[in-house]
Structures are given as C-alpha cells and as structure tokens.
Amino acid sequence: MKNILNQLINDEAGFIVSAELVLISSIAVLAMIVGLSEVANNVNQELEDVGSAFSSINQTYNLCEVSGHKGELSGSNFRDCPDFCSGQWDIY
C-alpha cells in the first residue's frame, strides 16, 4: 500500500497536459472576452442608429380645407418640434 501511495505522489505524467490545458483555456477565455465586448459595442451602435432613425421621423400632420356635398372642414395643422437631444450623435 505504501508503495502505491509513493507512486501516486511521484507520478507527474499528467502535469504537462494539465498545464497546457490551463494555458489554452485562458487564451480562449481572453479571446471570448474581447469578442463579446466587440459584439456589445456593435449592438449598442445599431440600437443607437435605430433610436436616431425613430427620432428623425417626420411627424407633421396637415389637412387642407375639404368640402363635400353637404359638409365642409376647414384646415388643420400639426407640426412636431425636434426633441431635446434628438440629434444623430446625442446618445453618447
């Protein structure tokens, strides 16, 4: 029993493999962190573009004078002013 225990303590056959796996896994984790941060930045930029597109929609409403057979409607008008910080680069 003592001989088997000494062999297990002195066995270093798996040390190189485990050290290589730690090195490869740490490189893979660092690469994933860099890749996911780039994905997050690009998603934020696309959402900013969508927000800028929504803020630049023309929301004016205009109805000219309409007259029909027995009815008449005078003109109506609505003009939307730009919102505060609604520029294309104001989301930062």
C-alpha atoms as a PDB file:
ATOM      1  CA  MET A   1       0.000   0.000   0.000  1.00  0.00           C
ATOM      2  CA  LYS A   2       2.833   2.363   0.866  1.00  0.00           C
ATOM      3  CA  ASN A   3       4.471   1.602  -2.477  1.00  0.00           C
ATOM      4  CA  ILE A   4       1.306   2.503  -4.427  1.00  0.00           C
ATOM      5  CA  LEU A   5       0.915   5.752  -2.467  1.00  0.00           C
ATOM      6  CA  ASN A   6       4.522   6.739  -3.209  1.00  0.00           C
ATOM      7  CA  GLN A   7       3.984   6.016  -6.920  1.00  0.00           C
ATOM      8  CA  LEU A   8       0.886   8.241  -6.980  1.00  0.00           C
ATOM      9  CA  ILE A   9       2.703  11.076  -5.205  1.00  0.00           C
ATOM     10  CA  ASN A  10       5.701  10.906  -7.546  1.00  0.00           C
ATOM     11  CA  ASP A  11       3.635  10.498 -10.739  1.00  0.00           C
ATOM     12  CA  GLU A  12       3.988  13.599 -12.937  1.00  0.00           C
ATOM     13  CA  ALA A  13       2.679  12.188 -16.214  1.00  0.00           C
ATOM     14  CA  GLY A  14      -0.437  14.389 -16.283  1.00  0.00           C
ATOM     15  CA  PHE A  15       1.233  17.636 -15.212  1.00  0.00           C
ATOM     16  CA  ILE A  16       2.225  18.790 -18.705  1.00  0.00           C
ATOM     17  CA  VAL A  17      -1.193  18.055 -20.137  1.00  0.00           C
ATOM     18  CA  SER A  18      -2.999  19.971 -17.377  1.00  0.00           C
ATOM     19  CA  ALA A  19      -0.626  22.957 -17.704  1.00  0.00           C
ATOM     20  CA  GLU A  20      -1.251  23.068 -21.460  1.00  0.00           C
ATOM     21  CA  LEU A  21      -4.994  22.890 -20.920  1.00  0.00           C
ATOM     22  CA  VAL A  22      -4.851  25.787 -18.460  1.00  0.00           C
ATOM     23  CA  LEU A  23      -2.863  27.869 -20.974  1.00  0.00           C
ATOM     24  CA  ILE A  24      -5.196  27.061 -23.872  1.00  0.00           C
ATOM     25  CA  SER A  25      -8.339  27.664 -21.815  1.00  0.00           C
ATOM     26  CA  SER A  26      -7.044  31.017 -20.511  1.00  0.00           C
ATOM     27  CA  ILE A  27      -6.255  32.143 -24.083  1.00  0.00           C
ATOM     28  CA  ALA A  28      -9.720  31.032 -25.173  1.00  0.00           C
ATOM     29  CA  VAL A  29     -11.385  32.952 -22.322  1.00  0.00           C
ATOM     30  CA  LEU A  30      -9.437  36.115 -23.174  1.00  0.00           C
ATOM     31  CA  ALA A  31     -10.417  35.791 -26.828  1.00  0.00           C
ATOM     32  CA  MET A  32     -14.076  35.344 -25.841  1.00  0.00           C
ATOM     33  CA  ILE A  33     -13.961  38.438 -23.635  1.00  0.00           C
ATOM     34  CA  VAL A  34     -12.554  40.559 -26.470  1.00  0.00           C
ATOM     35  CA  GLY A  35     -15.046  39.143 -28.967  1.00  0.00           C
ATOM     36  CA  LEU A  36     -18.060  39.629 -26.713  1.00  0.00           C
ATOM     37  CA  SER A  37     -17.055  43.204 -25.895  1.00  0.00           C
ATOM     38  CA  GLU A  38     -16.902  43.952 -29.631  1.00  0.00           C
ATOM     39  CA  VAL A  39     -20.327  42.358 -30.100  1.00  0.00           C
ATOM     40  CA  ALA A  40     -21.698  44.503 -27.255  1.00  0.00           C
ATOM     41  CA  ASN A  41     -20.257  47.678 -28.803  1.00  0.00           C
ATOM     42  CA  ASN A  42     -21.725  46.869 -32.213  1.00  0.00           C
ATOM     43  CA  VAL A  43     -25.154  46.060 -30.741  1.00  0.00           C
ATOM     44  CA  ASN A  44     -25.107  49.403 -28.898  1.00  0.00           C
ATOM     45  CA  GLN A  45     -24.208  51.242 -32.108  1.00  0.00           C
ATOM     46  CA  GLU A  46     -27.031  49.556 -34.025  1.00  0.00           C
ATOM     47  CA  LEU A  47     -29.540  50.399 -31.295  1.00  0.00           C
ATOM     48  CA  GLU A  48     -28.302  53.989 -31.382  1.00  0.00           C
ATOM     49  CA  ASP A  49     -28.909  54.049 -35.148  1.00  0.00           C
ATOM     50  CA  VAL A  50     -32.442  52.733 -34.614  1.00  0.00           C
ATOM     51  CA  GLY A  51     -33.105  55.411 -31.990  1.00  0.00           C
ATOM     52  CA  SER A  52     -31.784  58.119 -34.306  1.00  0.00           C
ATOM     53  CA  ALA A  53     -33.976  56.808 -37.118  1.00  0.00           C
ATOM     54  CA  PHE A  54     -37.061  56.938 -34.891  1.00  0.00           C
ATOM     55  CA  SER A  55     -36.273  60.460 -33.749  1.00  0.00           C
ATOM     56  CA  SER A  56     -35.896  61.714 -37.317  1.00  0.00           C
ATOM     57  CA  ILE A  57     -39.323  60.530 -38.494  1.00  0.00           C
ATOM     58  CA  ASN A  58     -41.390  63.400 -39.835  1.00  0.00           C
ATOM     59  CA  GLN A  59     -44.496  63.642 -37.645  1.00  0.00           C
ATOM     60  CA  THR A  60     -46.191  66.618 -39.223  1.00  0.00           C
ATOM     61  CA  TYR A  61     -49.910  66.431 -39.811  1.00  0.00           C
ATOM     62  CA  ASN A  62     -51.664  68.629 -42.310  1.00  0.00           C
ATOM     63  CA  LEU A  63     -55.200  68.558 -43.635  1.00  0.00           C
ATOM     64  CA  CYS A  64     -56.227  71.112 -46.223  1.00  0.00           C
ATOM     65  CA  GLU A  65     -59.678  72.527 -46.416  1.00  0.00           C
ATOM     66  CA  VAL A  66     -62.085  69.820 -47.501  1.00  0.00           C
ATOM     67  CA  SER A  67     -65.576  70.423 -48.789  1.00  0.00           C
ATOM     68  CA  GLY A  68     -68.027  67.800 -49.859  1.00  0.00           C
ATOM     69  CA  HIS A  69     -71.653  67.623 -50.922  1.00  0.00           C
ATOM     70  CA  LYS A  70     -73.167  68.828 -47.644  1.00  0.00           C
ATOM     71  CA  GLY A  71     -70.182  69.308 -45.391  1.00  0.00           C
ATOM     72  CA  GLU A  72     -67.096  71.405 -45.101  1.00  0.00           C
ATOM     73  CA  LEU A  73     -63.974  71.167 -42.941  1.00  0.00           C
ATOM     74  CA  SER A  74     -61.522  73.951 -42.515  1.00  0.00           C
ATOM     75  CA  GLY A  75     -57.825  73.181 -42.477  1.00  0.00           C
ATOM     76  CA  SER A  76     -55.994  71.602 -39.600  1.00  0.00           C
ATOM     77  CA  ASN A  77     -52.271  71.627 -38.915  1.00  0.00           C
ATOM     78  CA  PHE A  78     -49.840  69.989 -36.535  1.00  0.00           C
ATOM     79  CA  ARG A  79     -46.074  70.438 -36.599  1.00  0.00           C
ATOM     80  CA  ASP A  80     -43.778  68.477 -34.327  1.00  0.00           C
ATOM     81  CA  CYS A  81     -40.729  70.279 -32.966  1.00  0.00           C
ATOM     82  CA  PRO A  82     -37.463  68.385 -32.580  1.00  0.00           C
ATOM     83  CA  ASP A  83     -36.980  66.811 -29.178  1.00  0.00           C
ATOM     84  CA  PHE A  84     -34.178  67.791 -26.834  1.00  0.00           C
ATOM     85  CA  CYS A  85     -31.053  65.728 -27.630  1.00  0.00           C
ATOM     86  CA  SER A  86     -32.633  64.193 -30.720  1.00  0.00           C
ATOM     87  CA  GLY A  87     -29.593  64.654 -32.919  1.00  0.00           C
ATOM     88  CA  GLN A  88     -27.857  61.734 -34.556  1.00  0.00           C
ATOM     89  CA  TRP A  89     -24.841  61.811 -32.236  1.00  0.00           C
ATOM     90  CA  ASP A  90     -26.526  62.890 -28.968  1.00  0.00           C
ATOM     91  CA  ILE A  91     -26.992  59.435 -27.404  1.00  0.00           C
ATOM     92  CA  TYR A  92     -23.422  59.132 -26.156  1.00  0.00           C
END
